[in-house]
Amino acid sequence: MEILIACNDQAIALRMRAALHELGIECPISQVLSHDSAKSMVSVQRQGTLLVVFFGSSSFKHDELSLLTQLNANGNQQLKIVAVGSNFTPTTILQAVRSGVVDCLDINNNFESELHALIDRIKLERQEGPA
């Protein structure tokens, strides 16, 4: 499993990276990119490798939701995108899910425990294979 953090907000990116490190998951600084740079990284994803993209934003505006849709269009079954932000509204969550994210994690509300649960689900899914 490879990890990529796509975020234009340095505080959110650093918090995500630190939380992953606490779980024993390393994300090299070279894997922390801007939103736009993530698009090219996803398009050259290694075949057969699960890529988990943590897409961070403080607001999830229309252009960021469009980028989520584009990232998912470039990906395949080995791509999982997770929206990470703060103060998600039900509408924002719905728009993010419709854009193809597998989960939405609130950076200000039980982030570390939610991240841990998400990683466990992804690992379990990989072991069981596709349904």
N, C-alpha and C. Protein backbone atom coordinates (compact mmCIF):
# COMPACT_ATOMS: atom_id res chain seq x y z
N MET A 1 0.85 -1.16 0.00
CA MET A 1 0.00 0.00 0.00
C MET A 1 0.90 1.24 0.00
N GLU A 2 0.64 2.13 -0.93
CA GLU A 2 1.34 3.40 -0.99
C GLU A 2 0.40 4.50 -0.51
N ILE A 3 0.97 5.49 0.14
CA ILE A 3 0.21 6.61 0.67
C ILE A 3 0.63 7.87 -0.05
N LEU A 4 -0.36 8.69 -0.39
CA LEU A 4 -0.11 9.99 -0.99
C LEU A 4 -1.00 10.99 -0.25
N ILE A 5 -0.42 12.10 0.14
CA ILE A 5 -1.19 13.17 0.75
C ILE A 5 -1.25 14.30 -0.25
N ALA A 6 -2.46 14.64 -0.66
CA ALA A 6 -2.68 15.74 -1.60
C ALA A 6 -3.39 16.85 -0.83
N CYS A 7 -2.69 17.96 -0.64
CA CYS A 7 -3.26 19.00 0.21
C CYS A 7 -2.60 20.34 -0.10
N ASN A 8 -3.41 21.37 -0.18
CA ASN A 8 -2.89 22.72 -0.38
C ASN A 8 -2.78 23.47 0.94
N ASP A 9 -3.16 22.85 2.04
CA ASP A 9 -3.11 23.44 3.37
C ASP A 9 -2.03 22.71 4.17
N GLN A 10 -0.92 23.39 4.44
CA GLN A 10 0.22 22.74 5.06
C GLN A 10 -0.11 22.21 6.46
N ALA A 11 -0.94 22.90 7.22
CA ALA A 11 -1.28 22.45 8.57
C ALA A 11 -2.04 21.12 8.52
N ILE A 12 -2.97 20.98 7.59
CA ILE A 12 -3.72 19.73 7.44
C ILE A 12 -2.78 18.62 6.98
N ALA A 13 -1.91 18.92 6.03
CA ALA A 13 -0.98 17.91 5.51
C ALA A 13 -0.06 17.40 6.62
N LEU A 14 0.47 18.30 7.43
CA LEU A 14 1.36 17.89 8.51
C LEU A 14 0.62 17.05 9.54
N ARG A 15 -0.61 17.41 9.83
CA ARG A 15 -1.40 16.63 10.81
C ARG A 15 -1.67 15.22 10.27
N MET A 16 -2.01 15.11 8.98
CA MET A 16 -2.25 13.80 8.38
C MET A 16 -0.98 12.96 8.43
N ARG A 17 0.13 13.56 8.07
CA ARG A 17 1.39 12.83 8.03
C ARG A 17 1.78 12.35 9.43
N ALA A 18 1.59 13.19 10.44
CA ALA A 18 1.92 12.82 11.82
C ALA A 18 1.00 11.70 12.31
N ALA A 19 -0.28 11.76 11.97
CA ALA A 19 -1.22 10.72 12.40
C ALA A 19 -0.88 9.38 11.74
N LEU A 20 -0.51 9.40 10.48
CA LEU A 20 -0.10 8.18 9.80
C LEU A 20 1.16 7.61 10.45
N HIS A 21 2.10 8.47 10.77
CA HIS A 21 3.34 8.04 11.42
C HIS A 21 3.04 7.35 12.76
N GLU A 22 2.09 7.90 13.52
CA GLU A 22 1.71 7.30 14.80
C GLU A 22 1.16 5.89 14.62
N LEU A 23 0.57 5.62 13.46
CA LEU A 23 0.04 4.29 13.16
C LEU A 23 1.10 3.37 12.55
N GLY A 24 2.32 3.88 12.42
CA GLY A 24 3.39 3.07 11.85
C GLY A 24 3.39 3.08 10.33
N ILE A 25 2.70 4.03 9.74
CA ILE A 25 2.63 4.14 8.28
C ILE A 25 3.44 5.36 7.87
N GLU A 26 4.50 5.11 7.15
CA GLU A 26 5.37 6.21 6.73
C GLU A 26 4.88 6.80 5.41
N CYS A 27 4.90 8.10 5.36
CA CYS A 27 4.59 8.83 4.13
C CYS A 27 5.73 9.81 3.90
N PRO A 28 6.66 9.45 3.03
CA PRO A 28 7.80 10.33 2.79
C PRO A 28 7.34 11.72 2.34
N ILE A 29 8.13 12.72 2.65
CA ILE A 29 7.78 14.09 2.29
C ILE A 29 7.57 14.23 0.77
N SER A 30 8.22 13.36 0.00
CA SER A 30 8.05 13.39 -1.46
C SER A 30 6.65 12.94 -1.87
N GLN A 31 5.92 12.33 -0.95
CA GLN A 31 4.55 11.87 -1.22
C GLN A 31 3.51 12.85 -0.68
N VAL A 32 3.95 14.02 -0.24
CA VAL A 32 3.05 15.08 0.19
C VAL A 32 3.08 16.14 -0.90
N LEU A 33 1.96 16.26 -1.62
CA LEU A 33 1.91 17.08 -2.82
C LEU A 33 0.73 18.05 -2.80
N SER A 34 0.77 18.99 -3.71
CA SER A 34 -0.38 19.88 -3.91
C SER A 34 -1.48 19.09 -4.62
N HIS A 35 -2.66 19.65 -4.62
CA HIS A 35 -3.77 18.99 -5.30
C HIS A 35 -3.45 18.73 -6.76
N ASP A 36 -2.95 19.74 -7.45
CA ASP A 36 -2.67 19.59 -8.88
C ASP A 36 -1.59 18.56 -9.16
N SER A 37 -0.56 18.51 -8.32
CA SER A 37 0.51 17.54 -8.52
C SER A 37 0.03 16.11 -8.30
N ALA A 38 -0.96 15.95 -7.44
CA ALA A 38 -1.49 14.61 -7.17
C ALA A 38 -2.11 13.99 -8.41
N LYS A 39 -2.69 14.81 -9.26
CA LYS A 39 -3.33 14.29 -10.47
C LYS A 39 -2.32 13.55 -11.35
N SER A 40 -1.14 14.11 -11.52
CA SER A 40 -0.14 13.43 -12.34
C SER A 40 0.40 12.18 -11.65
N MET A 41 0.52 12.21 -10.31
CA MET A 41 0.99 11.03 -9.58
C MET A 41 0.00 9.87 -9.69
N VAL A 42 -1.28 10.17 -9.61
CA VAL A 42 -2.30 9.12 -9.70
C VAL A 42 -2.29 8.51 -11.10
N SER A 43 -2.05 9.33 -12.10
CA SER A 43 -2.08 8.82 -13.48
C SER A 43 -0.92 7.88 -13.78
N VAL A 44 0.17 7.95 -13.01
CA VAL A 44 1.31 7.06 -13.23
C VAL A 44 1.45 6.04 -12.10
N GLN A 45 0.34 5.72 -11.49
CA GLN A 45 0.31 4.75 -10.39
C GLN A 45 0.86 3.41 -10.85
N ARG A 46 1.67 2.80 -9.97
CA ARG A 46 2.23 1.49 -10.30
C ARG A 46 1.14 0.44 -10.35
N GLN A 47 1.20 -0.39 -11.36
CA GLN A 47 0.21 -1.46 -11.55
C GLN A 47 0.28 -2.45 -10.39
N GLY A 48 -0.86 -2.83 -9.87
CA GLY A 48 -0.94 -3.84 -8.82
C GLY A 48 -0.67 -3.33 -7.42
N THR A 49 -0.42 -2.04 -7.27
CA THR A 49 -0.16 -1.46 -5.96
C THR A 49 -1.35 -0.62 -5.53
N LEU A 50 -1.84 -0.85 -4.33
CA LEU A 50 -2.92 -0.05 -3.79
C LEU A 50 -2.39 1.33 -3.45
N LEU A 51 -3.03 2.36 -3.96
CA LEU A 51 -2.67 3.73 -3.67
C LEU A 51 -3.80 4.37 -2.89
N VAL A 52 -3.49 4.85 -1.68
CA VAL A 52 -4.47 5.54 -0.86
C VAL A 52 -4.09 7.02 -0.87
N VAL A 53 -4.98 7.85 -1.38
CA VAL A 53 -4.75 9.29 -1.46
C VAL A 53 -5.59 9.97 -0.39
N PHE A 54 -4.92 10.67 0.51
CA PHE A 54 -5.61 11.48 1.50
C PHE A 54 -5.67 12.90 0.93
N PHE A 55 -6.87 13.31 0.54
CA PHE A 55 -7.10 14.59 -0.14
C PHE A 55 -7.58 15.58 0.91
N GLY A 56 -6.70 16.47 1.32
CA GLY A 56 -7.03 17.42 2.38
C GLY A 56 -7.48 18.76 1.85
N SER A 57 -8.48 19.33 2.54
CA SER A 57 -8.97 20.65 2.19
C SER A 57 -9.67 21.25 3.40
N SER A 58 -9.62 22.55 3.49
CA SER A 58 -10.34 23.22 4.57
C SER A 58 -11.77 23.55 4.18
N SER A 59 -12.10 23.44 2.90
CA SER A 59 -13.44 23.87 2.48
C SER A 59 -14.14 22.99 1.45
N PHE A 60 -13.42 22.24 0.66
CA PHE A 60 -13.97 21.41 -0.41
C PHE A 60 -14.91 22.22 -1.31
N LYS A 61 -14.31 23.19 -1.97
CA LYS A 61 -15.04 24.02 -2.93
C LYS A 61 -15.27 23.24 -4.22
N HIS A 62 -16.03 23.83 -5.11
CA HIS A 62 -16.42 23.16 -6.36
C HIS A 62 -15.21 22.65 -7.15
N ASP A 63 -14.15 23.47 -7.27
CA ASP A 63 -12.99 23.04 -8.07
C ASP A 63 -12.28 21.85 -7.43
N GLU A 64 -12.28 21.78 -6.11
CA GLU A 64 -11.65 20.63 -5.44
C GLU A 64 -12.49 19.37 -5.61
N LEU A 65 -13.80 19.52 -5.56
CA LEU A 65 -14.68 18.37 -5.80
C LEU A 65 -14.54 17.88 -7.23
N SER A 66 -14.38 18.80 -8.17
CA SER A 66 -14.14 18.41 -9.57
C SER A 66 -12.83 17.66 -9.71
N LEU A 67 -11.81 18.10 -8.99
CA LEU A 67 -10.53 17.42 -9.03
C LEU A 67 -10.65 16.01 -8.44
N LEU A 68 -11.43 15.84 -7.39
CA LEU A 68 -11.66 14.50 -6.84
C LEU A 68 -12.25 13.58 -7.90
N THR A 69 -13.21 14.09 -8.65
CA THR A 69 -13.83 13.31 -9.72
C THR A 69 -12.79 12.94 -10.78
N GLN A 70 -11.93 13.89 -11.14
CA GLN A 70 -10.88 13.63 -12.13
C GLN A 70 -9.88 12.60 -11.62
N LEU A 71 -9.50 12.69 -10.35
CA LEU A 71 -8.57 11.72 -9.78
C LEU A 71 -9.16 10.32 -9.87
N ASN A 72 -10.42 10.18 -9.55
CA ASN A 72 -11.06 8.87 -9.61
C ASN A 72 -11.20 8.37 -11.04
N ALA A 73 -11.38 9.27 -11.98
CA ALA A 73 -11.49 8.86 -13.38
C ALA A 73 -10.16 8.30 -13.88
N ASN A 74 -9.05 8.81 -13.35
CA ASN A 74 -7.72 8.34 -13.76
C ASN A 74 -7.33 7.06 -13.06
N GLY A 75 -7.98 6.76 -11.97
CA GLY A 75 -7.59 5.63 -11.15
C GLY A 75 -8.23 4.33 -11.60
N ASN A 76 -8.08 3.34 -10.74
CA ASN A 76 -8.65 2.03 -11.01
C ASN A 76 -9.08 1.42 -9.69
N GLN A 77 -9.28 0.13 -9.65
CA GLN A 77 -9.70 -0.54 -8.42
C GLN A 77 -8.64 -0.46 -7.33
N GLN A 78 -7.41 -0.17 -7.70
CA GLN A 78 -6.32 -0.09 -6.73
C GLN A 78 -6.11 1.34 -6.23
N LEU A 79 -7.12 2.20 -6.38
CA LEU A 79 -7.05 3.58 -5.92
C LEU A 79 -8.17 3.85 -4.94
N LYS A 80 -7.81 4.38 -3.77
CA LYS A 80 -8.80 4.78 -2.78
C LYS A 80 -8.48 6.21 -2.39
N ILE A 81 -9.49 7.07 -2.48
CA ILE A 81 -9.30 8.46 -2.13
C ILE A 81 -10.15 8.77 -0.90
N VAL A 82 -9.52 9.41 0.08
CA VAL A 82 -10.16 9.76 1.34
C VAL A 82 -10.15 11.28 1.46
N ALA A 83 -11.31 11.86 1.70
CA ALA A 83 -11.41 13.30 1.92
C ALA A 83 -11.11 13.60 3.38
N VAL A 84 -10.21 14.55 3.62
CA VAL A 84 -9.86 14.96 4.97
C VAL A 84 -10.04 16.47 5.07
N GLY A 85 -10.87 16.87 6.02
CA GLY A 85 -11.13 18.29 6.20
C GLY A 85 -11.68 18.58 7.57
N SER A 86 -12.34 19.70 7.70
CA SER A 86 -12.92 20.06 8.98
C SER A 86 -14.34 20.57 8.76
N ASN A 87 -15.15 20.32 9.76
CA ASN A 87 -16.53 20.82 9.74
C ASN A 87 -17.29 20.42 8.47
N PHE A 88 -17.26 19.14 8.15
CA PHE A 88 -18.00 18.64 6.99
C PHE A 88 -19.49 18.86 7.21
N THR A 89 -20.15 19.34 6.19
CA THR A 89 -21.62 19.40 6.22
C THR A 89 -22.13 18.15 5.53
N PRO A 90 -23.37 17.75 5.78
CA PRO A 90 -23.91 16.59 5.06
C PRO A 90 -23.84 16.76 3.54
N THR A 91 -24.03 17.97 3.05
CA THR A 91 -23.97 18.22 1.61
C THR A 91 -22.55 18.00 1.08
N THR A 92 -21.56 18.48 1.82
CA THR A 92 -20.17 18.29 1.40
C THR A 92 -19.80 16.82 1.38
N ILE A 93 -20.22 16.08 2.39
CA ILE A 93 -19.95 14.65 2.44
C ILE A 93 -20.58 13.95 1.24
N LEU A 94 -21.84 14.29 0.95
CA LEU A 94 -22.53 13.68 -0.19
C LEU A 94 -21.82 14.01 -1.50
N GLN A 95 -21.41 15.26 -1.67
CA GLN A 95 -20.71 15.65 -2.90
C GLN A 95 -19.37 14.92 -3.02
N ALA A 96 -18.68 14.77 -1.91
CA ALA A 96 -17.39 14.07 -1.93
C ALA A 96 -17.57 12.60 -2.29
N VAL A 97 -18.58 11.97 -1.71
CA VAL A 97 -18.86 10.55 -2.02
C VAL A 97 -19.24 10.41 -3.49
N ARG A 98 -20.03 11.33 -3.97
CA ARG A 98 -20.41 11.29 -5.40
C ARG A 98 -19.21 11.53 -6.31
N SER A 99 -18.19 12.18 -5.78
CA SER A 99 -16.96 12.40 -6.54
C SER A 99 -16.03 11.19 -6.48
N GLY A 100 -16.39 10.20 -5.65
CA GLY A 100 -15.65 8.95 -5.64
C GLY A 100 -14.82 8.66 -4.40
N VAL A 101 -14.90 9.49 -3.36
CA VAL A 101 -14.11 9.19 -2.16
C VAL A 101 -14.70 7.99 -1.43
N VAL A 102 -13.84 7.28 -0.71
CA VAL A 102 -14.30 6.11 0.05
C VAL A 102 -14.67 6.47 1.48
N ASP A 103 -14.22 7.64 1.94
CA ASP A 103 -14.54 8.06 3.30
C ASP A 103 -14.22 9.54 3.45
N CYS A 104 -14.83 10.16 4.47
CA CYS A 104 -14.55 11.55 4.82
C CYS A 104 -14.14 11.56 6.29
N LEU A 105 -12.96 12.09 6.55
CA LEU A 105 -12.45 12.16 7.92
C LEU A 105 -12.31 13.61 8.35
N ASP A 106 -12.89 13.93 9.51
CA ASP A 106 -12.82 15.28 10.07
C ASP A 106 -11.54 15.42 10.88
N ILE A 107 -10.68 16.29 10.47
CA ILE A 107 -9.36 16.45 11.10
C ILE A 107 -9.50 16.96 12.55
N ASN A 108 -10.64 17.56 12.89
CA ASN A 108 -10.84 18.12 14.23
C ASN A 108 -11.72 17.26 15.13
N ASN A 109 -12.12 16.08 14.66
CA ASN A 109 -13.07 15.28 15.43
C ASN A 109 -12.66 13.81 15.38
N ASN A 110 -11.95 13.34 16.40
CA ASN A 110 -11.53 11.94 16.50
C ASN A 110 -10.74 11.48 15.28
N PHE A 111 -9.92 12.36 14.73
CA PHE A 111 -9.21 12.05 13.49
C PHE A 111 -8.35 10.80 13.59
N GLU A 112 -7.55 10.72 14.64
CA GLU A 112 -6.62 9.59 14.76
C GLU A 112 -7.37 8.26 14.86
N SER A 113 -8.43 8.20 15.64
CA SER A 113 -9.17 6.94 15.78
C SER A 113 -9.93 6.61 14.49
N GLU A 114 -10.46 7.61 13.82
CA GLU A 114 -11.15 7.38 12.54
C GLU A 114 -10.15 6.92 11.48
N LEU A 115 -8.97 7.49 11.48
CA LEU A 115 -7.93 7.09 10.54
C LEU A 115 -7.52 5.64 10.80
N HIS A 116 -7.35 5.29 12.05
CA HIS A 116 -6.99 3.92 12.42
C HIS A 116 -8.06 2.94 11.93
N ALA A 117 -9.33 3.27 12.15
CA ALA A 117 -10.43 2.40 11.70
C ALA A 117 -10.44 2.28 10.18
N LEU A 118 -10.19 3.36 9.49
CA LEU A 118 -10.15 3.34 8.02
C LEU A 118 -9.03 2.43 7.52
N ILE A 119 -7.84 2.58 8.08
CA ILE A 119 -6.71 1.75 7.66
C ILE A 119 -7.02 0.28 7.92
N ASP A 120 -7.62 -0.03 9.06
CA ASP A 120 -8.01 -1.41 9.35
C ASP A 120 -9.00 -1.94 8.32
N ARG A 121 -9.98 -1.13 7.92
CA ARG A 121 -10.96 -1.56 6.90
C ARG A 121 -10.28 -1.82 5.57
N ILE A 122 -9.36 -0.96 5.19
CA ILE A 122 -8.66 -1.12 3.92
C ILE A 122 -7.83 -2.40 3.93
N LYS A 123 -7.13 -2.64 5.02
CA LYS A 123 -6.32 -3.86 5.12
C LYS A 123 -7.20 -5.10 5.09
N LEU A 124 -8.32 -5.08 5.78
CA LEU A 124 -9.24 -6.22 5.79
C LEU A 124 -9.80 -6.46 4.40
N GLU A 125 -10.17 -5.41 3.72
CA GLU A 125 -10.71 -5.52 2.36
C GLU A 125 -9.68 -6.13 1.42
N ARG A 126 -8.42 -5.76 1.57
CA ARG A 126 -7.36 -6.31 0.73
C ARG A 126 -7.16 -7.79 0.97
N GLN A 127 -7.31 -8.21 2.24
CA GLN A 127 -7.14 -9.61 2.57
C GLN A 127 -8.29 -10.46 2.03
N GLU A 128 -9.51 -9.91 2.10
CA GLU A 128 -10.69 -10.66 1.67
C GLU A 128 -10.86 -10.62 0.17
N GLY A 129 -10.29 -9.62 -0.49
CA GLY A 129 -10.45 -9.49 -1.93
C GLY A 129 -11.77 -8.81 -2.26
N PRO A 130 -12.01 -8.54 -3.53
CA PRO A 130 -13.24 -7.86 -3.92
C PRO A 130 -14.47 -8.71 -3.66
N ALA A 131 -15.55 -8.05 -3.31
CA ALA A 131 -16.80 -8.75 -3.03
C ALA A 131 -17.45 -9.21 -4.30
